[in-house]
Amino acid sequence: MLIVYLKRLNDFGKAHVNARKGLAVWKLVVEGAQWKNKQDVLRDFPKAKMIQNNRARFEITHNTFRLIAHIHYDDKIVEIRFIGTHNEYDRIDPAVI
């Protein structure tokens, strides 16, 4: 899969050192994935939560941080829509961000 807005991931990792390893693992898995549907995502990330509008919420660093991605299955693109702390996540609507 191609990850769009990868700069968001890199910038967040610079600001939150304890997220770097989890973000690196997430990136490695996603770049090597060939997701065709939600079940494929859950196979690679069993703790992910599938959200409406082809979005998924991923737990980073034991759910300290959350990442929302919009997945375009046909185009093989994963678009990073949000990454932040639990408190920041609580202030957004993951289905529309």
PDB file of N, CA and C in Angstrom:
ATOM      1  N   MET A   1       0.850  -1.175   0.000  1.00  0.00           N
ATOM      2  CA  MET A   1       0.000   0.000   0.000  1.00  0.00           C
ATOM      3  C   MET A   1       0.897   1.241   0.000  1.00  0.00           C
ATOM      4  N   LEU A   2       0.410   2.264  -0.635  1.00  0.00           N
ATOM      5  CA  LEU A   2       1.108   3.544  -0.657  1.00  0.00           C
ATOM      6  C   LEU A   2       0.546   4.410   0.465  1.00  0.00           C
ATOM      7  N   ILE A   3       1.416   4.950   1.303  1.00  0.00           N
ATOM      8  CA  ILE A   3       0.982   5.799   2.408  1.00  0.00           C
ATOM      9  C   ILE A   3       1.077   7.257   1.981  1.00  0.00           C
ATOM     10  N   VAL A   4      -0.057   7.964   2.078  1.00  0.00           N
ATOM     11  CA  VAL A   4      -0.123   9.376   1.734  1.00  0.00           C
ATOM     12  C   VAL A   4      -0.078  10.191   3.019  1.00  0.00           C
ATOM     13  N   TYR A   5       0.586  11.332   2.968  1.00  0.00           N
ATOM     14  CA  TYR A   5       0.794  12.222   4.124  1.00  0.00           C
ATOM     15  C   TYR A   5       1.735  11.588   5.156  1.00  0.00           C
ATOM     16  N   LEU A   6       2.755  10.927   4.654  1.00  0.00           N
ATOM     17  CA  LEU A   6       3.746  10.296   5.515  1.00  0.00           C
ATOM     18  C   LEU A   6       4.470  11.314   6.387  1.00  0.00           C
ATOM     19  N   LYS A   7       4.520  12.565   5.942  1.00  0.00           N
ATOM     20  CA  LYS A   7       5.162  13.623   6.730  1.00  0.00           C
ATOM     21  C   LYS A   7       4.487  13.772   8.096  1.00  0.00           C
ATOM     22  N   ARG A   8       3.174  13.575   8.146  1.00  0.00           N
ATOM     23  CA  ARG A   8       2.461  13.646   9.428  1.00  0.00           C
ATOM     24  C   ARG A   8       3.007  12.612  10.399  1.00  0.00           C
ATOM     25  N   LEU A   9       3.273  11.426   9.893  1.00  0.00           N
ATOM     26  CA  LEU A   9       3.820  10.348  10.709  1.00  0.00           C
ATOM     27  C   LEU A   9       5.205  10.716  11.213  1.00  0.00           C
ATOM     28  N   ASN A  10       6.047  11.208  10.310  1.00  0.00           N
ATOM     29  CA  ASN A  10       7.421  11.575  10.677  1.00  0.00           C
ATOM     30  C   ASN A  10       7.441  12.730  11.669  1.00  0.00           C
ATOM     31  N   ASP A  11       6.622  13.741  11.445  1.00  0.00           N
ATOM     32  CA  ASP A  11       6.574  14.883  12.358  1.00  0.00           C
ATOM     33  C   ASP A  11       6.087  14.470  13.741  1.00  0.00           C
ATOM     34  N   PHE A  12       5.088  13.593  13.778  1.00  0.00           N
ATOM     35  CA  PHE A  12       4.570  13.132  15.063  1.00  0.00           C
ATOM     36  C   PHE A  12       5.644  12.332  15.805  1.00  0.00           C
ATOM     37  N   GLY A  13       6.385  11.505  15.082  1.00  0.00           N
ATOM     38  CA  GLY A  13       7.460  10.729  15.693  1.00  0.00           C
ATOM     39  C   GLY A  13       8.558  11.607  16.264  1.00  0.00           C
ATOM     40  N   LYS A  14       8.833  12.722  15.610  1.00  0.00           N
ATOM     41  CA  LYS A  14       9.837  13.659  16.133  1.00  0.00           C
ATOM     42  C   LYS A  14       9.353  14.316  17.418  1.00  0.00           C
ATOM     43  N   ALA A  15       8.074  14.609  17.497  1.00  0.00           N
ATOM     44  CA  ALA A  15       7.508  15.279  18.674  1.00  0.00           C
ATOM     45  C   ALA A  15       7.230  14.311  19.827  1.00  0.00           C
ATOM     46  N   HIS A  16       7.019  13.042  19.513  1.00  0.00           N
ATOM     47  CA  HIS A  16       6.670  12.033  20.522  1.00  0.00           C
ATOM     48  C   HIS A  16       7.617  10.847  20.372  1.00  0.00           C
ATOM     49  N   VAL A  17       8.731  10.919  21.049  1.00  0.00           N
ATOM     50  CA  VAL A  17       9.787   9.917  20.899  1.00  0.00           C
ATOM     51  C   VAL A  17       9.280   8.513  21.220  1.00  0.00           C
ATOM     52  N   ASN A  18       8.397   8.388  22.214  1.00  0.00           N
ATOM     53  CA  ASN A  18       7.925   7.054  22.592  1.00  0.00           C
ATOM     54  C   ASN A  18       6.975   6.436  21.558  1.00  0.00           C
ATOM     55  N   ALA A  19       6.589   7.188  20.540  1.00  0.00           N
ATOM     56  CA  ALA A  19       5.728   6.660  19.479  1.00  0.00           C
ATOM     57  C   ALA A  19       6.533   6.146  18.288  1.00  0.00           C
ATOM     58  N   ARG A  20       7.802   6.449  18.222  1.00  0.00           N
ATOM     59  CA  ARG A  20       8.594   6.154  17.022  1.00  0.00           C
ATOM     60  C   ARG A  20       8.611   4.676  16.642  1.00  0.00           C
ATOM     61  N   LYS A  21       8.837   3.805  17.606  1.00  0.00           N
ATOM     62  CA  LYS A  21       8.922   2.376  17.287  1.00  0.00           C
ATOM     63  C   LYS A  21       7.581   1.864  16.768  1.00  0.00           C
ATOM     64  N   GLY A  22       6.488   2.226  17.438  1.00  0.00           N
ATOM     65  CA  GLY A  22       5.168   1.798  17.003  1.00  0.00           C
ATOM     66  C   GLY A  22       4.819   2.322  15.626  1.00  0.00           C
ATOM     67  N   LEU A  23       5.191   3.568  15.346  1.00  0.00           N
ATOM     68  CA  LEU A  23       4.932   4.155  14.027  1.00  0.00           C
ATOM     69  C   LEU A  23       5.754   3.461  12.949  1.00  0.00           C
ATOM     70  N   ALA A  24       6.993   3.115  13.286  1.00  0.00           N
ATOM     71  CA  ALA A  24       7.854   2.431  12.319  1.00  0.00           C
ATOM     72  C   ALA A  24       7.289   1.051  11.973  1.00  0.00           C
ATOM     73  N   VAL A  25       6.795   0.336  12.973  1.00  0.00           N
ATOM     74  CA  VAL A  25       6.197  -0.976  12.732  1.00  0.00           C
ATOM     75  C   VAL A  25       4.930  -0.828  11.891  1.00  0.00           C
ATOM     76  N   TRP A  26       4.082   0.141  12.243  1.00  0.00           N
ATOM     77  CA  TRP A  26       2.850   0.372  11.479  1.00  0.00           C
ATOM     78  C   TRP A  26       3.184   0.651  10.014  1.00  0.00           C
ATOM     79  N   LYS A  27       4.144   1.542   9.784  1.00  0.00           N
ATOM     80  CA  LYS A  27       4.538   1.912   8.425  1.00  0.00           C
ATOM     81  C   LYS A  27       5.052   0.696   7.652  1.00  0.00           C
ATOM     82  N   LEU A  28       5.893  -0.103   8.280  1.00  0.00           N
ATOM     83  CA  LEU A  28       6.464  -1.278   7.628  1.00  0.00           C
ATOM     84  C   LEU A  28       5.371  -2.269   7.218  1.00  0.00           C
ATOM     85  N   VAL A  29       4.426  -2.517   8.112  1.00  0.00           N
ATOM     86  CA  VAL A  29       3.342  -3.456   7.817  1.00  0.00           C
ATOM     87  C   VAL A  29       2.458  -2.917   6.691  1.00  0.00           C
ATOM     88  N   VAL A  30       2.090  -1.637   6.777  1.00  0.00           N
ATOM     89  CA  VAL A  30       1.186  -1.057   5.780  1.00  0.00           C
ATOM     90  C   VAL A  30       1.838  -1.018   4.403  1.00  0.00           C
ATOM     91  N   GLU A  31       3.089  -0.631   4.336  1.00  0.00           N
ATOM     92  CA  GLU A  31       3.763  -0.563   3.033  1.00  0.00           C
ATOM     93  C   GLU A  31       3.870  -1.939   2.365  1.00  0.00           C
ATOM     94  N   GLY A  32       3.925  -2.996   3.165  1.00  0.00           N
ATOM     95  CA  GLY A  32       4.017  -4.343   2.613  1.00  0.00           C
ATOM     96  C   GLY A  32       2.671  -5.014   2.388  1.00  0.00           C
ATOM     97  N   ALA A  33       1.599  -4.350   2.788  1.00  0.00           N
ATOM     98  CA  ALA A  33       0.258  -4.946   2.709  1.00  0.00           C
ATOM     99  C   ALA A  33      -0.337  -4.819   1.315  1.00  0.00           C
ATOM    100  N   GLN A  34      -1.278  -5.697   1.041  1.00  0.00           N
ATOM    101  CA  GLN A  34      -2.075  -5.668  -0.192  1.00  0.00           C
ATOM    102  C   GLN A  34      -3.541  -5.802   0.213  1.00  0.00           C
ATOM    103  N   TRP A  35      -4.043  -4.840   0.971  1.00  0.00           N
ATOM    104  CA  TRP A  35      -5.396  -4.913   1.499  1.00  0.00           C
ATOM    105  C   TRP A  35      -6.435  -4.767   0.394  1.00  0.00           C
ATOM    106  N   LYS A  36      -7.403  -5.657   0.427  1.00  0.00           N
ATOM    107  CA  LYS A  36      -8.513  -5.607  -0.521  1.00  0.00           C
ATOM    108  C   LYS A  36      -9.833  -5.319   0.173  1.00  0.00           C
ATOM    109  N   ASN A  37      -9.843  -5.494   1.524  1.00  0.00           N
ATOM    110  CA  ASN A  37     -11.070  -5.278   2.292  1.00  0.00           C
ATOM    111  C   ASN A  37     -10.731  -5.102   3.780  1.00  0.00           C
ATOM    112  N   LYS A  38     -11.752  -4.859   4.557  1.00  0.00           N
ATOM    113  CA  LYS A  38     -11.565  -4.611   5.992  1.00  0.00           C
ATOM    114  C   LYS A  38     -10.972  -5.811   6.720  1.00  0.00           C
ATOM    115  N   GLN A  39     -11.332  -7.001   6.286  1.00  0.00           N
ATOM    116  CA  GLN A  39     -10.817  -8.206   6.930  1.00  0.00           C
ATOM    117  C   GLN A  39      -9.299  -8.316   6.775  1.00  0.00           C
ATOM    118  N   ASP A  40      -8.780  -7.859   5.653  1.00  0.00           N
ATOM    119  CA  ASP A  40      -7.330  -7.865   5.448  1.00  0.00           C
ATOM    120  C   ASP A  40      -6.640  -6.936   6.444  1.00  0.00           C
ATOM    121  N   VAL A  41      -7.243  -5.780   6.689  1.00  0.00           N
ATOM    122  CA  VAL A  41      -6.686  -4.829   7.658  1.00  0.00           C
ATOM    123  C   VAL A  41      -6.668  -5.462   9.043  1.00  0.00           C
ATOM    124  N   LEU A  42      -7.777  -6.078   9.418  1.00  0.00           N
ATOM    125  CA  LEU A  42      -7.888  -6.690  10.745  1.00  0.00           C
ATOM    126  C   LEU A  42      -6.977  -7.905  10.900  1.00  0.00           C
ATOM    127  N   ARG A  43      -6.652  -8.562   9.807  1.00  0.00           N
ATOM    128  CA  ARG A  43      -5.699  -9.668   9.873  1.00  0.00           C
ATOM    129  C   ARG A  43      -4.318  -9.153  10.289  1.00  0.00           C
ATOM    130  N   ASP A  44      -3.927  -8.016   9.712  1.00  0.00           N
ATOM    131  CA  ASP A  44      -2.619  -7.446  10.033  1.00  0.00           C
ATOM    132  C   ASP A  44      -2.622  -6.673  11.341  1.00  0.00           C
ATOM    133  N   PHE A  45      -3.760  -6.064  11.692  1.00  0.00           N
ATOM    134  CA  PHE A  45      -3.885  -5.265  12.908  1.00  0.00           C
ATOM    135  C   PHE A  45      -5.166  -5.674  13.640  1.00  0.00           C
ATOM    136  N   PRO A  46      -5.128  -6.773  14.402  1.00  0.00           N
ATOM    137  CA  PRO A  46      -6.343  -7.275  15.054  1.00  0.00           C
ATOM    138  C   PRO A  46      -7.006  -6.286  16.021  1.00  0.00           C
ATOM    139  N   LYS A  47      -6.253  -5.356  16.558  1.00  0.00           N
ATOM    140  CA  LYS A  47      -6.827  -4.382  17.492  1.00  0.00           C
ATOM    141  C   LYS A  47      -7.329  -3.115  16.800  1.00  0.00           C
ATOM    142  N   ALA A  48      -7.206  -3.061  15.493  1.00  0.00           N
ATOM    143  CA  ALA A  48      -7.714  -1.902  14.759  1.00  0.00           C
ATOM    144  C   ALA A  48      -9.235  -1.893  14.846  1.00  0.00           C
ATOM    145  N   LYS A  49      -9.797  -0.698  14.740  1.00  0.00           N
ATOM    146  CA  LYS A  49     -11.246  -0.569  14.714  1.00  0.00           C
ATOM    147  C   LYS A  49     -11.621   0.010  13.360  1.00  0.00           C
ATOM    148  N   MET A  50     -12.510  -0.677  12.683  1.00  0.00           N
ATOM    149  CA  MET A  50     -12.961  -0.205  11.382  1.00  0.00           C
ATOM    150  C   MET A  50     -14.074   0.805  11.606  1.00  0.00           C
ATOM    151  N   ILE A  51     -13.966   1.943  10.938  1.00  0.00           N
ATOM    152  CA  ILE A  51     -14.893   3.058  11.087  1.00  0.00           C
ATOM    153  C   ILE A  51     -15.561   3.272   9.731  1.00  0.00           C
ATOM    154  N   GLN A  52     -16.729   3.872   9.742  1.00  0.00           N
ATOM    155  CA  GLN A  52     -17.430   4.122   8.476  1.00  0.00           C
ATOM    156  C   GLN A  52     -16.577   4.969   7.532  1.00  0.00           C
ATOM    157  N   ASN A  53     -16.977   5.001   6.287  1.00  0.00           N
ATOM    158  CA  ASN A  53     -16.282   5.752   5.230  1.00  0.00           C
ATOM    159  C   ASN A  53     -14.882   5.224   4.954  1.00  0.00           C
ATOM    160  N   ASN A  54     -14.699   3.911   5.063  1.00  0.00           N
ATOM    161  CA  ASN A  54     -13.408   3.253   4.783  1.00  0.00           C
ATOM    162  C   ASN A  54     -12.260   3.807   5.613  1.00  0.00           C
ATOM    163  N   ARG A  55     -12.545   4.109   6.854  1.00  0.00           N
ATOM    164  CA  ARG A  55     -11.505   4.571   7.764  1.00  0.00           C
ATOM    165  C   ARG A  55     -11.216   3.487   8.793  1.00  0.00           C
ATOM    166  N   ALA A  56      -9.997   3.520   9.305  1.00  0.00           N
ATOM    167  CA  ALA A  56      -9.603   2.582  10.349  1.00  0.00           C
ATOM    168  C   ALA A  56      -8.854   3.355  11.430  1.00  0.00           C
ATOM    169  N   ARG A  57      -9.071   2.932  12.665  1.00  0.00           N
ATOM    170  CA  ARG A  57      -8.344   3.511  13.799  1.00  0.00           C
ATOM    171  C   ARG A  57      -7.341   2.475  14.272  1.00  0.00           C
ATOM    172  N   PHE A  58      -6.088   2.892  14.339  1.00  0.00           N
ATOM    173  CA  PHE A  58      -5.010   2.019  14.768  1.00  0.00           C
ATOM    174  C   PHE A  58      -4.477   2.490  16.118  1.00  0.00           C
ATOM    175  N   GLU A  59      -4.188   1.543  16.980  1.00  0.00           N
ATOM    176  CA  GLU A  59      -3.573   1.848  18.271  1.00  0.00           C
ATOM    177  C   GLU A  59      -2.064   1.836  18.092  1.00  0.00           C
ATOM    178  N   ILE A  60      -1.434   2.901  18.552  1.00  0.00           N
ATOM    179  CA  ILE A  60       0.018   3.028  18.462  1.00  0.00           C
ATOM    180  C   ILE A  60       0.576   3.077  19.886  1.00  0.00           C
ATOM    181  N   THR A  61       1.626   2.319  20.139  1.00  0.00           N
ATOM    182  CA  THR A  61       2.289   2.275  21.446  1.00  0.00           C
ATOM    183  C   THR A  61       1.276   1.943  22.543  1.00  0.00           C
ATOM    184  N   HIS A  62       0.688   0.765  22.448  1.00  0.00           N
ATOM    185  CA  HIS A  62      -0.255   0.243  23.451  1.00  0.00           C
ATOM    186  C   HIS A  62      -1.404   1.207  23.705  1.00  0.00           C
ATOM    187  N   ASN A  63      -1.943   1.769  22.647  1.00  0.00           N
ATOM    188  CA  ASN A  63      -3.102   2.660  22.684  1.00  0.00           C
ATOM    189  C   ASN A  63      -2.816   3.999  23.359  1.00  0.00           C
ATOM    190  N   THR A  64      -1.554   4.356  23.481  1.00  0.00           N
ATOM    191  CA  THR A  64      -1.210   5.690  23.979  1.00  0.00           C
ATOM    192  C   THR A  64      -1.557   6.725  22.920  1.00  0.00           C
ATOM    193  N   PHE A  65      -1.378   6.349  21.666  1.00  0.00           N
ATOM    194  CA  PHE A  65      -1.662   7.231  20.538  1.00  0.00           C
ATOM    195  C   PHE A  65      -2.621   6.517  19.593  1.00  0.00           C
ATOM    196  N   ARG A  66      -3.337   7.307  18.807  1.00  0.00           N
ATOM    197  CA  ARG A  66      -4.262   6.739  17.832  1.00  0.00           C
ATOM    198  C   ARG A  66      -4.007   7.349  16.466  1.00  0.00           C
ATOM    199  N   LEU A  67      -4.143   6.516  15.459  1.00  0.00           N
ATOM    200  CA  LEU A  67      -3.932   6.935  14.082  1.00  0.00           C
ATOM    201  C   LEU A  67      -5.194   6.580  13.295  1.00  0.00           C
ATOM    202  N   ILE A  68      -5.717   7.558  12.564  1.00  0.00           N
ATOM    203  CA  ILE A  68      -6.873   7.331  11.697  1.00  0.00           C
ATOM    204  C   ILE A  68      -6.385   7.383  10.253  1.00  0.00           C
ATOM    205  N   ALA A  69      -6.729   6.363   9.504  1.00  0.00           N
ATOM    206  CA  ALA A  69      -6.352   6.312   8.097  1.00  0.00           C
ATOM    207  C   ALA A  69      -7.580   6.053   7.249  1.00  0.00           C
ATOM    208  N   HIS A  70      -7.631   6.721   6.103  1.00  0.00           N
ATOM    209  CA  HIS A  70      -8.668   6.470   5.106  1.00  0.00           C
ATOM    210  C   HIS A  70      -8.053   5.507   4.102  1.00  0.00           C
ATOM    211  N   ILE A  71      -8.675   4.369   3.923  1.00  0.00           N
ATOM    212  CA  ILE A  71      -8.113   3.325   3.070  1.00  0.00           C
ATOM    213  C   ILE A  71      -8.862   3.285   1.736  1.00  0.00           C
ATOM    214  N   HIS A  72      -8.113   3.457   0.674  1.00  0.00           N
ATOM    215  CA  HIS A  72      -8.647   3.368  -0.686  1.00  0.00           C
ATOM    216  C   HIS A  72      -8.209   2.001  -1.233  1.00  0.00           C
ATOM    217  N   TYR A  73      -9.050   0.992  -1.029  1.00  0.00           N
ATOM    218  CA  TYR A  73      -8.671  -0.384  -1.366  1.00  0.00           C
ATOM    219  C   TYR A  73      -8.353  -0.556  -2.842  1.00  0.00           C
ATOM    220  N   ASP A  74      -9.181  -0.015  -3.712  1.00  0.00           N
ATOM    221  CA  ASP A  74      -8.979  -0.209  -5.155  1.00  0.00           C
ATOM    222  C   ASP A  74      -7.684   0.430  -5.656  1.00  0.00           C
ATOM    223  N   ASP A  75      -7.342   1.577  -5.091  1.00  0.00           N
ATOM    224  CA  ASP A  75      -6.134   2.293  -5.515  1.00  0.00           C
ATOM    225  C   ASP A  75      -4.893   1.903  -4.718  1.00  0.00           C
ATOM    226  N   LYS A  76      -5.080   1.079  -3.671  1.00  0.00           N
ATOM    227  CA  LYS A  76      -3.979   0.634  -2.804  1.00  0.00           C
ATOM    228  C   LYS A  76      -3.285   1.817  -2.128  1.00  0.00           C
ATOM    229  N   ILE A  77      -4.119   2.738  -1.601  1.00  0.00           N
ATOM    230  CA  ILE A  77      -3.615   3.941  -0.935  1.00  0.00           C
ATOM    231  C   ILE A  77      -4.149   4.000   0.485  1.00  0.00           C
ATOM    232  N   VAL A  78      -3.276   4.317   1.427  1.00  0.00           N
ATOM    233  CA  VAL A  78      -3.656   4.553   2.810  1.00  0.00           C
ATOM    234  C   VAL A  78      -3.318   6.006   3.120  1.00  0.00           C
ATOM    235  N   GLU A  79      -4.345   6.777   3.388  1.00  0.00           N
ATOM    236  CA  GLU A  79      -4.198   8.210   3.606  1.00  0.00           C
ATOM    237  C   GLU A  79      -4.286   8.499   5.106  1.00  0.00           C
ATOM    238  N   ILE A  80      -3.201   9.000   5.675  1.00  0.00           N
ATOM    239  CA  ILE A  80      -3.191   9.332   7.104  1.00  0.00           C
ATOM    240  C   ILE A  80      -4.035  10.584   7.307  1.00  0.00           C
ATOM    241  N   ARG A  81      -5.101  10.461   8.066  1.00  0.00           N
ATOM    242  CA  ARG A  81      -5.996  11.578   8.314  1.00  0.00           C
ATOM    243  C   ARG A  81      -5.751  12.223   9.666  1.00  0.00           C
ATOM    244  N   PHE A  82      -5.280  11.430  10.640  1.00  0.00           N
ATOM    245  CA  PHE A  82      -5.081  11.957  12.000  1.00  0.00           C
ATOM    246  C   PHE A  82      -4.095  11.058  12.723  1.00  0.00           C
ATOM    247  N   ILE A  83      -3.267  11.681  13.526  1.00  0.00           N
ATOM    248  CA  ILE A  83      -2.469  10.950  14.511  1.00  0.00           C
ATOM    249  C   ILE A  83      -2.342  11.850  15.723  1.00  0.00           C
ATOM    250  N   GLY A  84      -2.600  11.289  16.881  1.00  0.00           N
ATOM    251  CA  GLY A  84      -2.559  12.110  18.082  1.00  0.00           C
ATOM    252  C   GLY A  84      -2.719  11.288  19.347  1.00  0.00           C
ATOM    253  N   THR A  85      -2.781  12.011  20.455  1.00  0.00           N
ATOM    254  CA  THR A  85      -2.960  11.383  21.756  1.00  0.00           C
ATOM    255  C   THR A  85      -4.426  10.987  21.924  1.00  0.00           C
ATOM    256  N   HIS A  86      -4.687  10.259  22.984  1.00  0.00           N
ATOM    257  CA  HIS A  86      -6.060   9.861  23.291  1.00  0.00           C
ATOM    258  C   HIS A  86      -6.940  11.091  23.479  1.00  0.00           C
ATOM    259  N   ASN A  87      -6.449  12.095  24.198  1.00  0.00           N
ATOM    260  CA  ASN A  87      -7.224  13.321  24.436  1.00  0.00           C
ATOM    261  C   ASN A  87      -7.516  14.051  23.131  1.00  0.00           C
ATOM    262  N   GLU A  88      -6.550  14.131  22.252  1.00  0.00           N
ATOM    263  CA  GLU A  88      -6.761  14.780  20.955  1.00  0.00           C
ATOM    264  C   GLU A  88      -7.774  13.995  20.126  1.00  0.00           C
ATOM    265  N   TYR A  89      -7.696  12.683  20.193  1.00  0.00           N
ATOM    266  CA  TYR A  89      -8.625  11.829  19.460  1.00  0.00           C
ATOM    267  C   TYR A  89     -10.067  12.063  19.933  1.00  0.00           C
ATOM    268  N   ASP A  90     -10.238  12.236  21.233  1.00  0.00           N
ATOM    269  CA  ASP A  90     -11.581  12.441  21.793  1.00  0.00           C
ATOM    270  C   ASP A  90     -12.246  13.711  21.283  1.00  0.00           C
ATOM    271  N   ARG A  91     -11.472  14.628  20.714  1.00  0.00           N
ATOM    272  CA  ARG A  91     -12.023  15.900  20.235  1.00  0.00           C
ATOM    273  C   ARG A  91     -12.329  15.916  18.735  1.00  0.00           C
ATOM    274  N   ILE A  92     -12.149  14.779  18.064  1.00  0.00           N
ATOM    275  CA  ILE A  92     -12.408  14.728  16.624  1.00  0.00           C
ATOM    276  C   ILE A  92     -13.527  13.730  16.327  1.00  0.00           C
ATOM    277  N   ASP A  93     -14.042  13.812  15.124  1.00  0.00           N
ATOM    278  CA  ASP A  93     -14.973  12.804  14.627  1.00  0.00           C
ATOM    279  C   ASP A  93     -14.203  11.949  13.623  1.00  0.00           C
ATOM    280  N   PRO A  94     -13.819  10.736  14.006  1.00  0.00           N
ATOM    281  CA  PRO A  94     -12.972   9.927  13.125  1.00  0.00           C
ATOM    282  C   PRO A  94     -13.615   9.542  11.805  1.00  0.00           C
ATOM    283  N   ALA A  95     -14.921   9.610  11.720  1.00  0.00           N
ATOM    284  CA  ALA A  95     -15.601   9.228  10.482  1.00  0.00           C
ATOM    285  C   ALA A  95     -15.541  10.316   9.413  1.00  0.00           C
ATOM    286  N   VAL A  96     -15.220  11.548   9.815  1.00  0.00           N
ATOM    287  CA  VAL A  96     -15.198  12.634   8.834  1.00  0.00           C
ATOM    288  C   VAL A  96     -13.864  13.366   8.735  1.00  0.00           C
ATOM    289  N   ILE A  97     -12.966  13.096   9.634  1.00  0.00           N
ATOM    290  CA  ILE A  97     -11.677  13.812   9.600  1.00  0.00           C
ATOM    291  C   ILE A  97     -10.890  13.463   8.352  1.00  0.00           C
TER     292      ILE A  97
END
